[in-house]
Amino acid sequence: MPPLSQTLVPPRPVDGLELDELCTFVGRKQRKVWLWLALCRRTRQVVAYALGCRGRRTARKLWRRLPPDYRRAWCYTDLWEAYSGVVPWRQHLPATCRGTTNHIERFNATLRARIGRLVRKSLSFSRSLKLLDACIHLFLHDYNATRHPR
């Protein structure tokens, strides 16, 4: 399947990204995996995602996966410390007030509703990280293809 970047609308200089992470697991509940996402505010498309731990390493992985044109956008995040070491300080806008990450939080709820593997109390789960990655990639590819920019 082609990379997620091929499903994206070209960015505009005023575009902003919302970055967030959500927790799931692979195999059993004790093996937590974090899904990191970057969502464009204007188009509501998922620009990039990464799977891994909740540390700086996965935040860097997400940043590297952003298409170069989107790396210049303002980045709205929660106050999680891993972002401060990865997102350039001139672009980083941590959520000091409410509402700056509403879209990505709403999208996380959509993911949990549509992908059974991400539901917190569910019998469906991924047996391997590779299968979880493939499932998320397929969903995001389809999701981006159905988004129409404003």
C-alpha atoms as a PDB file:
ATOM      1  CA  MET A   1       0.000   0.000   0.000  1.00  0.00           C
ATOM      2  CA  PRO A   2       1.339   3.473  -0.807  1.00  0.00           C
ATOM      3  CA  PRO A   3       2.570   5.721   1.996  1.00  0.00           C
ATOM      4  CA  LEU A   4       0.082   7.824   3.923  1.00  0.00           C
ATOM      5  CA  SER A   5       1.631  11.012   2.525  1.00  0.00           C
ATOM      6  CA  GLN A   6       0.188  10.206  -0.921  1.00  0.00           C
ATOM      7  CA  THR A   7      -3.355  10.631   0.436  1.00  0.00           C
ATOM      8  CA  LEU A   8      -2.735  14.163   1.728  1.00  0.00           C
ATOM      9  CA  VAL A   9      -3.870  17.502   0.395  1.00  0.00           C
ATOM     10  CA  PRO A  10      -0.912  19.898  -0.052  1.00  0.00           C
ATOM     11  CA  PRO A  11      -0.472  22.073   3.044  1.00  0.00           C
ATOM     12  CA  ARG A  12      -1.068  25.811   3.221  1.00  0.00           C
ATOM     13  CA  PRO A  13       1.212  28.164   5.159  1.00  0.00           C
ATOM     14  CA  VAL A  14      -1.511  28.729   7.774  1.00  0.00           C
ATOM     15  CA  ASP A  15      -2.069  25.039   8.506  1.00  0.00           C
ATOM     16  CA  GLY A  16      -1.644  23.758  12.024  1.00  0.00           C
ATOM     17  CA  LEU A  17      -1.091  20.240  13.281  1.00  0.00           C
ATOM     18  CA  GLU A  18      -2.511  18.690  16.418  1.00  0.00           C
ATOM     19  CA  LEU A  19      -0.343  15.956  17.924  1.00  0.00           C
ATOM     20  CA  ASP A  20      -1.497  13.405  20.461  1.00  0.00           C
ATOM     21  CA  GLU A  21      -1.035   9.813  21.564  1.00  0.00           C
ATOM     22  CA  LEU A  22      -3.369   7.033  22.631  1.00  0.00           C
ATOM     23  CA  CYS A  23      -2.713   3.780  24.433  1.00  0.00           C
ATOM     24  CA  THR A  24      -3.452   0.262  23.236  1.00  0.00           C
ATOM     25  CA  PHE A  25      -1.790  -3.109  23.744  1.00  0.00           C
ATOM     26  CA  VAL A  26      -0.367  -6.031  21.792  1.00  0.00           C
ATOM     27  CA  GLY A  27      -0.902  -9.601  22.954  1.00  0.00           C
ATOM     28  CA  ARG A  28      -1.883  -8.794  26.531  1.00  0.00           C
ATOM     29  CA  LYS A  29      -2.755  -5.697  28.552  1.00  0.00           C
ATOM     30  CA  GLN A  30       0.680  -5.514  30.154  1.00  0.00           C
ATOM     31  CA  ARG A  31       2.344  -4.938  26.741  1.00  0.00           C
ATOM     32  CA  LYS A  32       1.288  -1.350  26.160  1.00  0.00           C
ATOM     33  CA  VAL A  33       1.862   0.302  22.810  1.00  0.00           C
ATOM     34  CA  TRP A  34       1.265   3.987  22.127  1.00  0.00           C
ATOM     35  CA  LEU A  35      -0.174   5.271  18.866  1.00  0.00           C
ATOM     36  CA  TRP A  36       1.115   8.787  18.138  1.00  0.00           C
ATOM     37  CA  LEU A  37      -0.843  10.842  15.610  1.00  0.00           C
ATOM     38  CA  ALA A  38      -0.497  14.146  13.761  1.00  0.00           C
ATOM     39  CA  LEU A  39      -3.753  15.625  12.426  1.00  0.00           C
ATOM     40  CA  CYS A  40      -4.062  18.654  10.129  1.00  0.00           C
ATOM     41  CA  ARG A  41      -6.561  21.118  11.594  1.00  0.00           C
ATOM     42  CA  ARG A  42      -7.853  22.416   8.256  1.00  0.00           C
ATOM     43  CA  THR A  43      -8.314  19.170   6.335  1.00  0.00           C
ATOM     44  CA  ARG A  44      -8.794  16.809   9.312  1.00  0.00           C
ATOM     45  CA  GLN A  45      -6.454  14.368   7.580  1.00  0.00           C
ATOM     46  CA  VAL A  46      -3.977  12.281   9.526  1.00  0.00           C
ATOM     47  CA  VAL A  47      -0.586  13.484   8.322  1.00  0.00           C
ATOM     48  CA  ALA A  48       1.535  10.849  10.079  1.00  0.00           C
ATOM     49  CA  TYR A  49       1.445   8.221  12.802  1.00  0.00           C
ATOM     50  CA  ALA A  50       3.926   6.142  14.765  1.00  0.00           C
ATOM     51  CA  LEU A  51       3.687   3.153  17.093  1.00  0.00           C
ATOM     52  CA  GLY A  52       5.985   2.662  20.067  1.00  0.00           C
ATOM     53  CA  CYS A  53       6.577   3.650  23.671  1.00  0.00           C
ATOM     54  CA  ARG A  54       5.417   6.923  25.194  1.00  0.00           C
ATOM     55  CA  GLY A  55       8.892   8.448  25.159  1.00  0.00           C
ATOM     56  CA  ARG A  56      10.930  10.799  23.036  1.00  0.00           C
ATOM     57  CA  ARG A  57      12.079   8.059  20.676  1.00  0.00           C
ATOM     58  CA  THR A  58       8.565   7.531  19.317  1.00  0.00           C
ATOM     59  CA  ALA A  59       7.948  11.293  19.249  1.00  0.00           C
ATOM     60  CA  ARG A  60      11.041  11.617  17.029  1.00  0.00           C
ATOM     61  CA  LYS A  61       9.756   8.770  14.860  1.00  0.00           C
ATOM     62  CA  LEU A  62       6.467  10.649  14.386  1.00  0.00           C
ATOM     63  CA  TRP A  63       8.313  13.888  13.571  1.00  0.00           C
ATOM     64  CA  ARG A  64      10.489  12.144  10.958  1.00  0.00           C
ATOM     65  CA  ARG A  65       7.384  10.675   9.309  1.00  0.00           C
ATOM     66  CA  LEU A  66       5.810  14.091   8.797  1.00  0.00           C
ATOM     67  CA  PRO A  67       6.106  15.200   5.159  1.00  0.00           C
ATOM     68  CA  PRO A  68       8.679  18.042   4.909  1.00  0.00           C
ATOM     69  CA  ASP A  69       6.067  20.674   3.993  1.00  0.00           C
ATOM     70  CA  TYR A  70       4.064  19.896   7.128  1.00  0.00           C
ATOM     71  CA  ARG A  71       7.107  20.173   9.401  1.00  0.00           C
ATOM     72  CA  ARG A  72       6.837  23.960   9.121  1.00  0.00           C
ATOM     73  CA  ALA A  73       3.298  24.050  10.565  1.00  0.00           C
ATOM     74  CA  TRP A  74       2.328  25.154  14.066  1.00  0.00           C
ATOM     75  CA  CYS A  75       2.107  22.118  16.342  1.00  0.00           C
ATOM     76  CA  TYR A  76      -0.537  22.030  19.066  1.00  0.00           C
ATOM     77  CA  THR A  77       0.120  19.371  21.702  1.00  0.00           C
ATOM     78  CA  ASP A  78      -0.814  18.452  25.230  1.00  0.00           C
ATOM     79  CA  LEU A  79       1.746  19.090  27.948  1.00  0.00           C
ATOM     80  CA  TRP A  80       3.480  15.722  27.558  1.00  0.00           C
ATOM     81  CA  GLU A  81       7.226  16.307  27.953  1.00  0.00           C
ATOM     82  CA  ALA A  82       8.347  14.186  24.983  1.00  0.00           C
ATOM     83  CA  TYR A  83       7.077  16.808  22.530  1.00  0.00           C
ATOM     84  CA  SER A  84       9.264  19.584  23.902  1.00  0.00           C
ATOM     85  CA  GLY A  85      12.450  17.783  22.936  1.00  0.00           C
ATOM     86  CA  VAL A  86      11.314  16.974  19.405  1.00  0.00           C
ATOM     87  CA  VAL A  87       9.062  19.734  18.062  1.00  0.00           C
ATOM     88  CA  PRO A  88      11.078  22.938  17.405  1.00  0.00           C
ATOM     89  CA  TRP A  89      10.276  25.481  20.122  1.00  0.00           C
ATOM     90  CA  ARG A  90       9.247  28.174  17.618  1.00  0.00           C
ATOM     91  CA  GLN A  91       6.479  25.946  16.263  1.00  0.00           C
ATOM     92  CA  HIS A  92       5.449  24.205  19.464  1.00  0.00           C
ATOM     93  CA  LEU A  93       2.255  25.419  21.132  1.00  0.00           C
ATOM     94  CA  PRO A  94       1.545  23.255  24.198  1.00  0.00           C
ATOM     95  CA  ALA A  95      -2.066  23.290  25.402  1.00  0.00           C
ATOM     96  CA  THR A  96      -1.957  25.853  28.186  1.00  0.00           C
ATOM     97  CA  CYS A  97      -5.656  26.527  27.651  1.00  0.00           C
ATOM     98  CA  ARG A  98      -8.568  24.283  26.770  1.00  0.00           C
ATOM     99  CA  GLY A  99      -9.587  23.477  23.232  1.00  0.00           C
ATOM    100  CA  THR A 100      -6.285  23.486  21.377  1.00  0.00           C
ATOM    101  CA  THR A 101      -6.320  19.722  20.803  1.00  0.00           C
ATOM    102  CA  ASN A 102     -10.068  19.140  20.439  1.00  0.00           C
ATOM    103  CA  HIS A 103      -9.877  17.757  16.904  1.00  0.00           C
ATOM    104  CA  ILE A 104      -7.242  15.127  17.622  1.00  0.00           C
ATOM    105  CA  GLU A 105      -8.979  14.065  20.842  1.00  0.00           C
ATOM    106  CA  ARG A 106     -12.231  13.652  18.893  1.00  0.00           C
ATOM    107  CA  PHE A 107     -10.343  11.664  16.247  1.00  0.00           C
ATOM    108  CA  ASN A 108      -8.939   9.372  18.958  1.00  0.00           C
ATOM    109  CA  ALA A 109     -12.524   8.630  20.013  1.00  0.00           C
ATOM    110  CA  THR A 110     -13.384   7.882  16.364  1.00  0.00           C
ATOM    111  CA  LEU A 111     -10.452   5.470  16.158  1.00  0.00           C
ATOM    112  CA  ARG A 112     -11.553   3.657  19.298  1.00  0.00           C
ATOM    113  CA  ALA A 113     -15.121   3.427  17.966  1.00  0.00           C
ATOM    114  CA  ARG A 114     -14.163   2.114  14.527  1.00  0.00           C
ATOM    115  CA  ILE A 115     -11.164  -0.105  15.239  1.00  0.00           C
ATOM    116  CA  GLY A 116     -11.998  -2.864  17.708  1.00  0.00           C
ATOM    117  CA  ARG A 117      -8.328  -3.437  18.539  1.00  0.00           C
ATOM    118  CA  LEU A 118      -8.122   0.015  20.120  1.00  0.00           C
ATOM    119  CA  VAL A 119     -11.142  -0.351  22.418  1.00  0.00           C
ATOM    120  CA  ARG A 120     -10.004  -0.411  26.031  1.00  0.00           C
ATOM    121  CA  LYS A 121     -12.212  -3.227  27.328  1.00  0.00           C
ATOM    122  CA  SER A 122     -12.549  -5.533  24.374  1.00  0.00           C
ATOM    123  CA  LEU A 123     -11.917  -9.139  23.498  1.00  0.00           C
ATOM    124  CA  SER A 124     -10.389  -8.129  20.172  1.00  0.00           C
ATOM    125  CA  PHE A 125      -6.714  -7.255  20.201  1.00  0.00           C
ATOM    126  CA  SER A 126      -3.627  -7.444  18.029  1.00  0.00           C
ATOM    127  CA  ARG A 127      -1.361 -10.418  18.432  1.00  0.00           C
ATOM    128  CA  SER A 128       1.585  -8.627  16.864  1.00  0.00           C
ATOM    129  CA  LEU A 129       2.786  -5.082  16.350  1.00  0.00           C
ATOM    130  CA  LYS A 130       3.006  -5.724  12.615  1.00  0.00           C
ATOM    131  CA  LEU A 131      -0.713  -6.589  12.403  1.00  0.00           C
ATOM    132  CA  LEU A 132      -1.677  -3.558  14.494  1.00  0.00           C
ATOM    133  CA  ASP A 133       0.407  -1.316  12.234  1.00  0.00           C
ATOM    134  CA  ALA A 134      -1.201  -2.790   9.093  1.00  0.00           C
ATOM    135  CA  CYS A 135      -4.711  -2.367  10.519  1.00  0.00           C
ATOM    136  CA  ILE A 136      -4.108   1.269  11.475  1.00  0.00           C
ATOM    137  CA  HIS A 137      -2.410   2.035   8.157  1.00  0.00           C
ATOM    138  CA  LEU A 138      -5.363   0.645   6.180  1.00  0.00           C
ATOM    139  CA  PHE A 139      -7.881   2.575   8.262  1.00  0.00           C
ATOM    140  CA  LEU A 140      -5.976   5.867   8.015  1.00  0.00           C
ATOM    141  CA  HIS A 141      -5.483   5.449   4.275  1.00  0.00           C
ATOM    142  CA  ASP A 142      -9.231   5.059   3.789  1.00  0.00           C
ATOM    143  CA  TYR A 143     -10.023   7.847   6.256  1.00  0.00           C
ATOM    144  CA  ASN A 144      -7.740  10.356   4.512  1.00  0.00           C
ATOM    145  CA  ALA A 145      -9.136   9.455   1.095  1.00  0.00           C
ATOM    146  CA  THR A 146     -12.646  10.406   2.244  1.00  0.00           C
ATOM    147  CA  ARG A 147     -11.682  13.782   3.754  1.00  0.00           C
ATOM    148  CA  HIS A 148     -12.386  16.838   1.632  1.00  0.00           C
ATOM    149  CA  PRO A 149     -10.427  20.017   2.437  1.00  0.00           C
ATOM    150  CA  ARG A 150     -12.186  23.191   3.433  1.00  0.00           C
END
